[in-house]
Each structure stands twice: as structure tokens, then as C-alpha cells.
Amino acid sequence: MHYEDNNLTAAKREVKRPAFIQMLKDISRGREGDTGIPLRGCIAVEKKRVYRLPRDFVALQDSLVEVGNGVFIEGKRQLDFVNDDGDIMGGLVTSGTGESEVRDIRERTTRNAVDRAIEGKVFGSARRFGWLGASKNPYRLSNEEIDEKEWPHLIEMIKKRAKGKSWYSIAEEANALGLRSVRGNYFTPETVRYLVANPAWWGGRILNGALVLDPRTDEPVIGVWEHATVEKDGVGYETWLTIMTGVQSENMHRGMKKTSSPDKSQEPIRTRSYLWSGFTKCGRLNKLDEPCFSGLVGNRSSGKNEKYGDIYRCDDVNCKGIGRRSEPVDKYLTGLLLAYMDKHFSGTEEKVVPWGRAAELKKAVKQRRDMKQSVADGTAEWSDIHDLLNQLNQKIRELESERDEHLRAEAKRNLLRGWSHEKWNETDLAQKRQLIGEVIAAVIVMPLPEGRDKKAPFDPTLLRVSWKKAVAEKEHASRVDSQSADTVPA
């Protein structure tokens, strides 16, 4: 039987608690009045949810004595109320003072947060950008309903980050539109990261360093507050997972633990001030009579050379150096890149191919939870499952790392899919460099022929471009297969 007095305190003498009174009557007679279900005691999460006044303690004690050695359990601990020698009553009299009360309040607050998270109830926090604050008339909780004015801007921030735009660029564009945070401040990269990395926008919540999952389905618990959906907003849980693969901090948003160490080979291309810095390689023979192939870096011109503009230059200590003016190099290579993209990637559609081992990961996570529960229930010994649990944890880490790598790869491929010149114009420097890295292996910058003046006109033939043809061929084949499928008669 379940007895509950909602929103009624046990600390005030004048407050009547009908469910508590009914429970005592049923315990005293040993059964529930209507159904006849036998009762021999009470189980409570915390004893102060049952009684806080001496009179209520005595009434509960009397009912347990009347039923004949009745039982009272708090959490997982049984308290002997029937044979109490005065210690419980003595503690009750002083329970409202001292550190114990502070500790109890903290525990209740923590437990309440856990319960609300598991039940998917609305956050009890200050208003976040994109949602309305609390209101009495009409009644609503803070962050329960979306703000129709701010919501489209939040969704746009999420989509931009999912496509690889930097936190800085997103914040800069938000400020340019005149948007301000809930505190009236300008947006910063940290502010945007806080909003976009928070799973609340798709209905999720993080608790104790991990997403809150439904124990019956192993799927994230979706909150009852208004949130984004793929059908309505074009973004959802999978979008968030893609975004979080690029969050390389030791602690993710709100204390979420990293599932695996980031793969250095999968880290995004480092943002630089020059578009083709690093992609251009030195083609001169160095002092060791070997091809240099060091990356050219952008350098700002100064002094008497300032009129010629910035340059890409090889700074390797073993090389005599090679340099080109950055403006004509950028213009020529960008034109070449756009023509290549038009040829190989126009007409493709953005899509995310599902990861093939999702069911295996879900099964492993459930196995881990069941193993831990078996120890908690006493059906298994920790020493018996310790090694198995370590192996299972390692498997889960490997699967999560593989999933993150797949999501990163899909995000990169979607930079190429759905290609258009408008897409290039909408991207920031970091995204453009990431796109270049997807299709170009290197650009070898050859030295000037013997006898040619260093101030001679720019010669594009001295730039040798090496393309990642496998990427283009694969995408082209995918497009052809898709078109063929559309034309096959039923």
C-alpha cells in the first residue's frame, strides 16, 4: 500500500495529514480497510517524511506495538520502534537543531533533484535563454515553456555548432543580431557553449556525470518541459551527441564525464588566421638535399614589404625558405577548390548514416547496470563480478569511442554533402579550413625557376595540388546509386 500526503508538512502541529492517520489505523488492525491487504509496518525514504513531532512518533510507535512487533524501515535501515529505550525519542526532540538538520536538508534536496531528474520534471533553476521564466498568472515553472522570440536563435546556434562553426563565430553573430543573454550581457563563446552543450534543449538531463536513462528502455529520460524535436526543429539527441564529440574539456557541461580520451587524429584542424596556412607545403630541396615539405605559415608583412601584402613562408631551419603572397594564393586555390566541389559534390544531400553498433552498446550498458544492481540486491558478491565488470567497462569505453568517431566522420562528410556556393559563404574560417582538409591532401609550392625575379607576377603553375580523390569518388558513387534507385521501375 502507498500512503502519501502531498504538500503537507510533518513539522506543524496544526496541519492534519489524512494519509498518515489512515496508515496508522490500517497498521493497528493489521490490514487495509477496503482491500484486506495485510500490513505489518511502514517503509519510508526518510523518517522525517513520516513524523517530526513527538506526538506523531508516539502514535506510530503505538500502532506498531498494536499489530504485534511491527516494522519500521528508513531507506535500507530497520529501526526498532517497538523496543525503543528512549534514544529515538531523545533524538526526535533535538532533531530540529545542529548539523544533523543541515545534513538532512541537504540530503533531501539532493534526493529531490534525483527524483525530479528520473521523472523528467521541469528544472527548478533560473531562466535559461530560449525559455520563459516562472510566472504566477498564468502559472508556469521556470524553463517549462519556450520563448517564441529567443527559441529560433537558440536552434540556429545549435545547428551552426553541429555544422562545425566555432563558438566564437556563433557568439559574434548573435551579438551582431542584437541578441543578449538572460542577464542582458553580450554573448561570449562560454555562454554559447553552456547553452548548446546543455542537453535540456532536446529534453535530456545530466545527473552524477551521466545522462539520466530510463531503466526499462536504457533510453534518455525525456523531460516534460518544451524542447526541440527533429520533426519540429531539425535537431535532437543525435545532434547533441555530434556536438559533444567536439567538446574536449576534461569535464563536459554540468560535470558530465568524458567517456573516452579524445583521438588526436580526429581532432578538428587547428584554427589559424590564414585560410591555406598548413595545407601549403614547401617544395624546395632543403640543406640536407631532401624535399622539405614543411607547412607554410602565414606571416604579416611590415616595413618596406608591407605594400606587397601578407605572405605564406617556410620557416624550417634546414630550408633556405620559400614564400608566396597570400592574397593571390588564396584567390587561386579557393577558386580551384570551389570548382572541384561543384564538380564532385553538388547535387548531394545532407544525411547522417546511423552507427551500426548502437544496439551492442545499449546491451552492454544494460548488462553493467544489472551487474551493479545484483550486488546492491545481495544476489551477487562484488568479488565475483569485479573482473567481469572491468572488462565490460572497457568494452563500453571502446564502443563509445567508436560511436564518437563515427559521429565526427558523419559531421565532416556533411560539410561536403549538400554542397553549394552559398554554403561556402556561410561558413567561418575554421569551417572552411575543415572543408579544405576533407578534400585536399596538400598543395606543394614549388620554388621559382632559376633566374626568375622574386617580384615577378604570380605563377599558379608553381602550385601543385594533391586531391583526396577517394573522398570524391565515394561521394560520387553514392550519388549515382541514389539516382539509379530513383529511376528503377517498380
Protein backbone atom coordinates (compact mmCIF):
# COMPACT_ATOMS: atom_id res chain seq x y z
CA MET A 1 0.00 0.00 0.00
CA HIS A 2 1.14 3.54 -0.72
CA TYR A 3 0.24 6.41 1.61
CA GLU A 4 1.13 9.95 0.59
CA ASP A 5 0.25 13.40 1.92
CA ASN A 6 1.22 15.79 -0.86
CA ASN A 7 2.38 19.28 0.10
CA LEU A 8 1.63 18.74 3.80
CA THR A 9 4.41 19.32 6.30
CA ALA A 10 5.01 16.93 9.20
CA ALA A 11 6.56 19.71 11.31
CA LYS A 12 3.48 21.79 12.19
CA ARG A 13 1.06 20.73 14.90
CA GLU A 14 -1.96 22.42 13.32
CA VAL A 15 -1.59 20.62 9.96
CA LYS A 16 -3.72 17.48 9.60
CA ARG A 17 -2.34 14.65 7.49
CA PRO A 18 -5.18 12.32 6.49
CA ALA A 19 -2.98 9.72 4.75
CA PHE A 20 -0.72 9.42 7.81
CA ILE A 21 -3.73 8.98 10.10
CA GLN A 22 -5.22 6.34 7.78
CA MET A 23 -1.91 4.47 7.65
CA LEU A 24 -1.74 4.27 11.45
CA LYS A 25 -5.30 2.90 11.61
CA ASP A 26 -4.53 0.25 8.99
CA ILE A 27 -1.29 -0.80 10.70
CA SER A 28 -3.06 -1.05 14.07
CA ARG A 29 -5.64 -3.50 12.72
CA GLY A 30 -3.08 -5.34 10.60
CA ARG A 31 -4.77 -4.84 7.24
CA GLU A 32 -6.01 -2.20 4.80
CA GLY A 33 -9.70 -1.47 5.38
CA ASP A 34 -11.09 -1.84 1.85
CA THR A 35 -8.88 -4.48 0.24
CA GLY A 36 -7.88 -6.53 3.30
CA ILE A 37 -4.22 -6.43 2.26
CA PRO A 38 -2.19 -7.37 5.39
CA LEU A 39 0.04 -4.63 6.85
CA ARG A 40 2.76 -5.05 9.45
CA GLY A 41 4.71 -1.78 9.30
CA CYS A 42 5.95 1.15 7.28
CA ILE A 43 8.83 1.79 4.87
CA ALA A 44 9.90 5.41 4.29
CA VAL A 45 12.64 7.08 2.31
CA GLU A 46 13.28 9.19 5.41
CA LYS A 47 11.66 9.05 8.83
CA LYS A 48 11.08 12.81 8.87
CA ARG A 49 8.70 12.37 5.96
CA VAL A 50 6.58 10.26 8.36
CA TYR A 51 6.94 12.10 11.68
CA ARG A 52 8.71 15.14 13.10
CA LEU A 53 6.61 15.81 16.18
CA PRO A 54 6.82 13.69 19.36
CA ARG A 55 3.07 13.03 19.27
CA ASP A 56 3.32 11.55 15.74
CA PHE A 57 6.22 9.34 16.82
CA VAL A 58 4.23 8.03 19.76
CA ALA A 59 1.19 7.40 17.54
CA LEU A 60 3.33 5.44 15.04
CA GLN A 61 5.01 3.51 17.86
CA ASP A 62 1.61 2.61 19.34
CA SER A 63 0.33 1.29 16.01
CA LEU A 64 3.45 -0.88 15.55
CA VAL A 65 3.04 -2.29 19.06
CA GLU A 66 -0.65 -2.99 18.49
CA VAL A 67 -0.03 -5.00 15.33
CA GLY A 68 2.50 -7.08 17.24
CA ASN A 69 6.19 -6.32 16.80
CA GLY A 70 5.56 -4.07 13.78
CA VAL A 71 8.39 -2.99 11.49
CA PHE A 72 9.62 0.48 10.51
CA ILE A 73 12.31 0.81 7.81
CA GLU A 74 14.04 4.04 6.81
CA GLY A 75 15.78 3.62 3.45
CA LYS A 76 17.61 0.30 3.95
CA ARG A 77 17.86 0.55 7.76
CA GLN A 78 15.38 -1.04 10.17
CA LEU A 79 14.59 0.97 13.33
CA ASP A 80 13.28 -0.80 16.43
CA PHE A 81 10.41 1.43 17.49
CA VAL A 82 8.66 -1.28 19.48
CA ASN A 83 11.55 -1.73 21.93
CA ASP A 84 12.79 1.89 21.90
CA ASP A 85 14.58 2.75 25.14
CA GLY A 86 14.22 6.49 24.67
CA ASP A 87 17.11 7.12 22.24
CA ILE A 88 14.85 7.67 19.25
CA MET A 89 12.55 9.93 21.21
CA GLY A 90 15.53 11.85 22.58
CA GLY A 91 16.91 12.35 19.09
CA LEU A 92 13.49 13.47 17.92
CA VAL A 93 13.33 16.27 20.49
CA THR A 94 16.64 17.75 19.30
CA SER A 95 16.32 16.90 15.61
CA GLY A 96 15.47 20.45 14.62
CA THR A 97 18.86 21.84 15.62
CA GLY A 98 22.53 21.39 14.83
CA GLU A 99 24.48 19.95 11.95
CA SER A 100 22.23 16.92 11.59
CA GLU A 101 19.36 19.11 10.42
CA VAL A 102 21.58 20.84 7.86
CA ARG A 103 22.78 17.45 6.64
CA ASP A 104 19.25 16.11 6.43
CA ILE A 105 18.08 19.13 4.42
CA ARG A 106 20.99 18.73 2.02
CA GLU A 107 20.24 15.03 1.57
CA ARG A 108 16.56 15.75 0.94
CA THR A 109 17.45 18.43 -1.60
CA THR A 110 19.80 16.07 -3.42
CA ARG A 111 17.27 13.25 -3.37
CA ASN A 112 14.58 15.58 -4.66
CA ALA A 113 16.83 16.61 -7.57
CA VAL A 114 17.46 12.94 -8.38
CA ASP A 115 13.75 12.10 -8.23
CA ARG A 116 12.83 15.04 -10.46
CA ALA A 117 15.51 14.08 -12.97
CA ILE A 118 14.38 10.45 -13.14
CA GLU A 119 10.75 11.55 -13.51
CA GLY A 120 11.69 14.10 -16.18
CA LYS A 121 10.20 17.03 -14.28
CA VAL A 122 10.98 20.65 -15.06
CA PHE A 123 14.27 22.13 -13.87
CA GLY A 124 13.97 24.24 -10.74
CA SER A 125 16.60 26.75 -11.82
CA ALA A 126 16.95 30.29 -13.10
CA ARG A 127 15.63 31.04 -16.58
CA ARG A 128 17.78 29.94 -19.50
CA PHE A 129 17.99 31.60 -22.89
CA GLY A 130 15.25 30.15 -25.09
CA TRP A 131 12.70 29.52 -22.31
CA LEU A 132 10.28 31.67 -20.33
CA GLY A 133 10.78 32.36 -16.65
CA ALA A 134 8.43 31.43 -13.82
CA SER A 135 5.02 33.08 -13.66
CA LYS A 136 2.08 33.09 -11.25
CA ASN A 137 -0.54 34.33 -13.71
CA PRO A 138 -0.62 32.41 -15.94
CA TYR A 139 1.03 29.77 -13.76
CA ARG A 140 4.17 28.13 -15.14
CA LEU A 141 7.52 26.97 -13.84
CA SER A 142 10.80 28.47 -14.97
CA ASN A 143 12.14 26.84 -18.19
CA GLU A 144 8.88 24.98 -18.75
CA GLU A 145 7.71 26.80 -21.91
CA ILE A 146 9.84 28.07 -24.78
CA ASP A 147 10.21 31.76 -25.55
CA GLU A 148 8.98 32.16 -29.11
CA LYS A 149 11.31 35.12 -29.69
CA GLU A 150 14.53 33.52 -28.38
CA TRP A 151 13.90 29.91 -29.36
CA PRO A 152 14.68 30.23 -33.12
CA HIS A 153 18.00 31.86 -32.26
CA LEU A 154 18.92 29.04 -29.87
CA ILE A 155 18.08 26.43 -32.51
CA GLU A 156 20.21 28.33 -35.03
CA MET A 157 23.15 28.30 -32.61
CA ILE A 158 22.77 24.53 -32.23
CA LYS A 159 22.66 23.94 -35.99
CA LYS A 160 25.69 26.16 -36.58
CA ARG A 161 27.74 24.30 -34.00
CA ALA A 162 26.62 20.92 -35.36
CA LYS A 163 27.99 22.00 -38.75
CA GLY A 164 31.34 22.92 -37.21
CA LYS A 165 31.10 26.67 -36.69
CA SER A 166 33.30 27.89 -33.85
CA TRP A 167 31.90 29.05 -30.51
CA TYR A 168 33.49 32.44 -31.12
CA SER A 169 31.81 32.90 -34.51
CA ILE A 170 28.41 31.88 -33.15
CA ALA A 171 28.71 34.36 -30.27
CA GLU A 172 29.89 37.08 -32.64
CA GLU A 173 26.92 36.57 -34.98
CA ALA A 174 24.46 36.52 -32.06
CA ASN A 175 25.80 39.85 -30.80
CA ALA A 176 25.62 41.32 -34.30
CA LEU A 177 21.90 40.47 -34.37
CA GLY A 178 21.41 42.41 -31.15
CA LEU A 179 20.79 39.31 -29.00
CA ARG A 180 21.67 39.39 -25.33
CA SER A 181 21.87 36.73 -22.63
CA VAL A 182 19.20 36.38 -19.95
CA ARG A 183 21.28 38.72 -17.77
CA GLY A 184 21.46 41.34 -20.51
CA ASN A 185 25.12 40.71 -21.32
CA TYR A 186 26.84 40.17 -24.67
CA PHE A 187 27.21 36.57 -25.75
CA THR A 188 30.64 35.01 -25.26
CA PRO A 189 31.98 31.64 -26.52
CA GLU A 190 31.49 30.28 -22.98
CA THR A 191 27.87 31.48 -22.88
CA VAL A 192 27.09 29.78 -26.20
CA ARG A 193 28.86 26.59 -25.14
CA TYR A 194 26.79 26.49 -21.94
CA LEU A 195 23.54 26.73 -23.91
CA VAL A 196 24.39 24.36 -26.75
CA ALA A 197 26.08 21.68 -24.62
CA ASN A 198 23.18 21.59 -22.16
CA PRO A 199 21.00 18.56 -23.07
CA ALA A 200 17.91 20.38 -21.79
CA TRP A 201 17.24 21.78 -25.28
CA TRP A 202 16.38 18.26 -26.55
CA GLY A 203 14.74 17.18 -23.27
CA GLY A 204 17.66 15.43 -21.57
CA ARG A 205 19.35 15.91 -18.23
CA ILE A 206 22.73 15.05 -16.72
CA LEU A 207 22.96 13.61 -13.21
CA ASN A 208 26.13 12.48 -11.42
CA GLY A 209 28.20 12.88 -14.56
CA ALA A 210 25.97 10.92 -16.95
CA LEU A 211 22.72 11.23 -18.87
CA VAL A 212 19.63 10.18 -16.95
CA LEU A 213 18.37 6.97 -18.60
CA ASP A 214 15.09 5.10 -18.28
CA PRO A 215 15.97 1.78 -16.57
CA ARG A 216 13.29 -0.02 -18.58
CA THR A 217 14.43 1.06 -22.04
CA ASP A 218 18.02 2.36 -21.50
CA GLU A 219 16.98 5.43 -23.48
CA PRO A 220 17.43 9.00 -22.19
CA VAL A 221 14.59 10.23 -19.99
CA ILE A 222 12.82 12.99 -21.91
CA GLY A 223 11.61 15.84 -19.72
CA VAL A 224 8.08 17.21 -19.69
CA TRP A 225 9.23 20.77 -20.49
CA GLU A 226 9.01 22.08 -24.05
CA HIS A 227 12.10 21.11 -26.04
CA ALA A 228 13.42 20.65 -29.55
CA THR A 229 12.50 17.68 -31.73
CA VAL A 230 13.86 16.54 -35.06
CA GLU A 231 10.40 16.78 -36.62
CA LYS A 232 9.76 20.34 -35.45
CA ASP A 233 13.23 21.91 -35.24
CA GLY A 234 15.52 19.63 -37.25
CA VAL A 235 17.79 18.86 -34.28
CA GLY A 236 17.65 16.34 -31.44
CA TYR A 237 19.58 13.85 -29.32
CA GLU A 238 21.81 12.66 -32.19
CA THR A 239 22.68 16.27 -32.98
CA TRP A 240 23.74 16.79 -29.36
CA LEU A 241 25.93 13.68 -29.44
CA THR A 242 27.66 15.01 -32.57
CA ILE A 243 28.26 18.37 -30.89
CA MET A 244 29.63 16.77 -27.73
CA THR A 245 32.26 14.80 -29.65
CA GLY A 246 33.92 18.16 -30.28
CA VAL A 247 33.87 19.21 -26.62
CA GLN A 248 37.36 18.25 -25.47
CA SER A 249 37.30 19.65 -21.93
CA GLU A 250 38.01 17.26 -19.08
CA ASN A 251 34.54 17.91 -17.73
CA MET A 252 31.68 18.45 -20.11
CA HIS A 253 28.66 20.59 -19.35
CA ARG A 254 27.36 20.40 -15.76
CA GLY A 255 30.00 17.87 -14.69
CA MET A 256 29.41 15.29 -17.40
CA LYS A 257 32.34 12.88 -17.51
CA LYS A 258 34.22 12.18 -20.72
CA THR A 259 33.54 8.67 -21.94
CA SER A 260 36.94 8.26 -23.58
CA SER A 261 40.16 10.04 -24.30
CA PRO A 262 39.98 12.09 -27.49
CA ASP A 263 41.67 10.58 -30.52
CA LYS A 264 44.38 13.03 -31.55
CA SER A 265 43.96 12.05 -35.20
CA GLN A 266 40.29 13.00 -35.05
CA GLU A 267 40.70 16.45 -33.53
CA PRO A 268 39.49 19.28 -35.75
CA ILE A 269 42.05 21.18 -37.79
CA ARG A 270 43.55 23.92 -35.68
CA THR A 271 42.08 27.34 -36.36
CA ARG A 272 44.58 29.79 -37.88
CA SER A 273 44.44 33.32 -39.15
CA TYR A 274 45.25 32.34 -42.76
CA LEU A 275 42.99 30.15 -44.88
CA TRP A 276 45.65 27.97 -46.55
CA SER A 277 48.27 28.00 -43.81
CA GLY A 278 49.47 24.46 -43.16
CA PHE A 279 47.88 23.00 -46.29
CA THR A 280 50.56 24.60 -48.45
CA LYS A 281 53.87 22.70 -48.28
CA CYS A 282 57.37 23.75 -49.21
CA GLY A 283 58.59 22.08 -52.42
CA ARG A 284 62.25 23.20 -52.17
CA LEU A 285 65.16 20.86 -51.54
CA ASN A 286 66.46 21.68 -48.08
CA LYS A 287 70.05 21.88 -46.85
CA LEU A 288 70.09 18.11 -46.41
CA ASP A 289 69.26 17.74 -50.11
CA GLU A 290 65.82 16.31 -49.26
CA PRO A 291 62.35 17.60 -50.19
CA CYS A 292 61.37 19.97 -47.37
CA PHE A 293 57.57 19.53 -47.37
CA SER A 294 57.25 21.72 -44.26
CA GLY A 295 53.96 23.56 -43.91
CA LEU A 296 53.96 27.19 -44.96
CA VAL A 297 52.68 29.58 -42.32
CA GLY A 298 51.07 32.96 -42.81
CA ASN A 299 53.18 35.98 -41.94
CA ARG A 300 52.11 39.58 -41.72
CA SER A 301 54.27 41.91 -43.80
CA SER A 302 55.74 45.00 -42.25
CA GLY A 303 58.14 47.79 -43.06
CA LYS A 304 59.11 48.26 -46.69
CA ASN A 305 57.47 44.94 -47.69
CA GLU A 306 54.09 45.90 -46.25
CA LYS A 307 52.90 47.17 -49.63
CA TYR A 308 53.22 43.63 -51.06
CA GLY A 309 50.78 42.15 -48.54
CA ASP A 310 51.00 39.15 -46.23
CA ILE A 311 52.90 36.04 -47.32
CA TYR A 312 52.99 32.29 -46.81
CA ARG A 313 56.53 31.31 -45.86
CA CYS A 314 58.52 28.21 -44.92
CA ASP A 315 60.28 28.71 -41.60
CA ASP A 316 62.06 25.35 -41.36
CA VAL A 317 65.59 25.79 -40.01
CA ASN A 318 67.00 23.28 -42.51
CA CYS A 319 65.46 25.02 -45.52
CA LYS A 320 66.51 28.15 -47.37
CA GLY A 321 62.88 29.16 -47.28
CA ILE A 322 60.17 29.69 -49.83
CA GLY A 323 57.40 32.28 -49.89
CA ARG A 324 54.32 33.45 -51.81
CA ARG A 325 51.98 36.38 -51.38
CA SER A 326 48.90 35.14 -49.53
CA GLU A 327 46.29 37.13 -51.49
CA PRO A 328 46.86 35.57 -54.96
CA VAL A 329 47.44 32.14 -53.40
CA ASP A 330 44.14 32.31 -51.51
CA LYS A 331 42.25 33.56 -54.56
CA TYR A 332 43.62 30.92 -56.94
CA LEU A 333 43.35 27.91 -54.59
CA THR A 334 39.88 28.90 -53.38
CA GLY A 335 38.65 29.18 -56.98
CA LEU A 336 40.17 25.78 -57.75
CA LEU A 337 38.58 24.28 -54.64
CA LEU A 338 35.10 25.65 -55.42
CA ALA A 339 35.25 24.34 -58.99
CA TYR A 340 36.29 20.93 -57.68
CA MET A 341 33.47 20.94 -55.13
CA ASP A 342 30.92 21.93 -57.79
CA LYS A 343 32.00 19.00 -59.92
CA HIS A 344 32.10 16.28 -57.30
CA PHE A 345 29.69 17.26 -54.53
CA SER A 346 26.87 19.39 -55.95
CA GLY A 347 23.56 17.58 -56.01
CA THR A 348 24.31 15.50 -52.93
CA GLU A 349 22.08 15.58 -49.86
CA GLU A 350 22.99 16.00 -46.21
CA LYS A 351 22.35 12.86 -44.21
CA VAL A 352 23.61 11.04 -41.12
CA VAL A 353 24.28 7.33 -41.54
CA PRO A 354 23.30 5.57 -38.27
CA TRP A 355 26.08 3.92 -36.31
CA GLY A 356 25.85 0.16 -36.77
CA ARG A 357 26.73 -0.96 -33.22
CA ALA A 358 24.23 1.12 -31.24
CA ALA A 359 22.30 -1.98 -30.11
CA GLU A 360 25.51 -3.61 -28.89
CA LEU A 361 26.40 -0.55 -26.80
CA LYS A 362 22.88 -0.40 -25.37
CA LYS A 363 23.08 -4.06 -24.38
CA ALA A 364 26.47 -3.60 -22.71
CA VAL A 365 25.24 -0.61 -20.68
CA LYS A 366 22.23 -2.64 -19.51
CA GLN A 367 24.48 -5.54 -18.52
CA ARG A 368 26.64 -3.21 -16.44
CA ARG A 369 23.62 -1.76 -14.66
CA ASP A 370 22.23 -5.24 -13.97
CA MET A 371 25.56 -6.39 -12.54
CA LYS A 372 25.75 -3.41 -10.18
CA GLN A 373 22.14 -3.95 -9.15
CA SER A 374 22.83 -7.61 -8.37
CA VAL A 375 25.49 -6.52 -5.87
CA ALA A 376 23.15 -3.95 -4.34
CA ASP A 377 20.42 -6.61 -4.02
CA GLY A 378 22.80 -9.09 -2.43
CA THR A 379 22.32 -11.72 -5.17
CA ALA A 380 25.98 -11.46 -6.21
CA GLU A 381 29.27 -10.74 -4.47
CA TRP A 382 31.44 -7.83 -5.58
CA SER A 383 34.50 -10.08 -5.68
CA ASP A 384 32.73 -12.41 -8.13
CA ILE A 385 31.85 -9.76 -10.70
CA HIS A 386 34.74 -7.30 -10.24
CA ASP A 387 36.85 -8.61 -13.13
CA LEU A 388 33.83 -9.05 -15.41
CA LEU A 389 32.71 -5.52 -14.67
CA ASN A 390 36.14 -4.11 -15.52
CA GLN A 391 36.07 -5.95 -18.86
CA LEU A 392 32.57 -4.68 -19.55
CA ASN A 393 33.59 -1.09 -18.71
CA GLN A 394 36.49 -1.35 -21.15
CA LYS A 395 34.17 -2.65 -23.86
CA ILE A 396 31.73 0.20 -23.24
CA ARG A 397 34.53 2.79 -23.44
CA GLU A 398 35.71 1.32 -26.75
CA LEU A 399 32.18 1.30 -28.19
CA GLU A 400 31.54 4.88 -27.06
CA SER A 401 34.83 5.97 -28.62
CA GLU A 402 33.87 4.22 -31.88
CA ARG A 403 30.45 5.90 -31.80
CA ASP A 404 32.01 9.33 -31.27
CA GLU A 405 34.44 8.74 -34.14
CA HIS A 406 31.53 7.76 -36.40
CA LEU A 407 29.60 10.91 -35.46
CA ARG A 408 32.65 13.09 -36.12
CA ALA A 409 33.15 11.44 -39.50
CA GLU A 410 29.49 11.95 -40.43
CA ALA A 411 29.70 15.61 -39.42
CA LYS A 412 32.72 16.06 -41.68
CA ARG A 413 31.04 14.30 -44.59
CA ASN A 414 28.04 16.60 -44.22
CA LEU A 415 30.36 19.54 -44.82
CA LEU A 416 30.67 18.15 -48.34
CA ARG A 417 27.13 16.87 -48.84
CA GLY A 418 24.53 19.35 -49.98
CA TRP A 419 27.29 21.48 -51.47
CA SER A 420 26.62 24.96 -52.85
CA HIS A 421 28.49 28.26 -53.10
CA GLU A 422 26.10 29.65 -50.50
CA LYS A 423 27.33 27.04 -48.07
CA TRP A 424 30.90 28.26 -48.53
CA ASN A 425 29.89 31.88 -47.97
CA GLU A 426 28.03 30.99 -44.76
CA THR A 427 30.97 29.20 -43.14
CA ASP A 428 33.59 30.77 -40.93
CA LEU A 429 37.36 30.37 -41.27
CA ALA A 430 37.51 27.28 -39.07
CA GLN A 431 34.80 25.51 -41.11
CA LYS A 432 36.44 26.45 -44.41
CA ARG A 433 39.74 25.02 -43.25
CA GLN A 434 37.98 21.87 -42.10
CA LEU A 435 36.34 21.53 -45.52
CA ILE A 436 39.70 22.04 -47.27
CA GLY A 437 41.20 19.30 -45.13
CA GLU A 438 38.50 16.90 -46.26
CA VAL A 439 39.29 17.11 -49.99
CA ILE A 440 42.89 18.32 -50.30
CA ALA A 441 45.88 16.26 -49.21
CA ALA A 442 48.42 19.04 -49.78
CA VAL A 443 49.42 21.93 -52.02
CA ILE A 444 53.11 21.80 -52.91
CA VAL A 445 54.55 25.27 -53.54
CA MET A 446 57.49 24.93 -55.94
CA PRO A 447 60.43 27.38 -55.86
CA LEU A 448 60.78 29.99 -58.59
CA PRO A 449 62.70 28.79 -61.64
CA GLU A 450 66.34 29.78 -61.80
CA GLY A 451 66.76 33.37 -62.89
CA ARG A 452 63.13 34.46 -62.29
CA ASP A 453 62.75 37.70 -60.33
CA LYS A 454 61.11 37.37 -56.91
CA LYS A 455 58.82 40.27 -57.82
CA ALA A 456 57.59 38.54 -60.99
CA PRO A 457 53.83 38.14 -61.48
CA PHE A 458 52.13 35.30 -59.57
CA ASP A 459 52.51 31.95 -61.39
CA PRO A 460 49.76 29.46 -60.45
CA THR A 461 51.56 26.61 -62.25
CA LEU A 462 54.03 26.51 -59.36
CA LEU A 463 51.24 25.31 -57.05
CA ARG A 464 50.82 21.53 -57.29
CA VAL A 465 47.50 20.44 -55.76
CA SER A 466 47.05 16.89 -54.45
CA TRP A 467 43.37 15.91 -54.03
CA LYS A 468 41.87 13.25 -51.81
CA LYS A 469 40.22 11.54 -54.75
CA ALA A 470 38.86 8.64 -52.70
CA VAL A 471 36.50 11.02 -50.90
CA ALA A 472 35.12 12.48 -54.12
CA GLU A 473 34.84 9.08 -55.82
CA LYS A 474 32.96 7.60 -52.87
CA GLU A 475 30.51 10.52 -52.70
CA HIS A 476 30.06 10.46 -56.49
CA ALA A 477 29.33 6.72 -56.41
CA SER A 478 26.81 7.26 -53.61
CA ARG A 479 25.08 9.96 -55.66
CA VAL A 480 24.96 7.76 -58.75
CA ASP A 481 23.50 4.84 -56.77
CA SER A 482 20.86 7.14 -55.29
CA GLN A 483 19.91 8.49 -58.72
CA SER A 484 19.78 4.97 -60.17
CA ALA A 485 17.49 3.82 -57.38
CA ASP A 486 15.12 6.67 -58.16
CA THR A 487 14.81 5.60 -61.79
CA VAL A 488 14.37 1.83 -61.29
CA PRO A 489 10.79 0.86 -62.22
CA ALA A 490 8.66 -0.81 -59.57
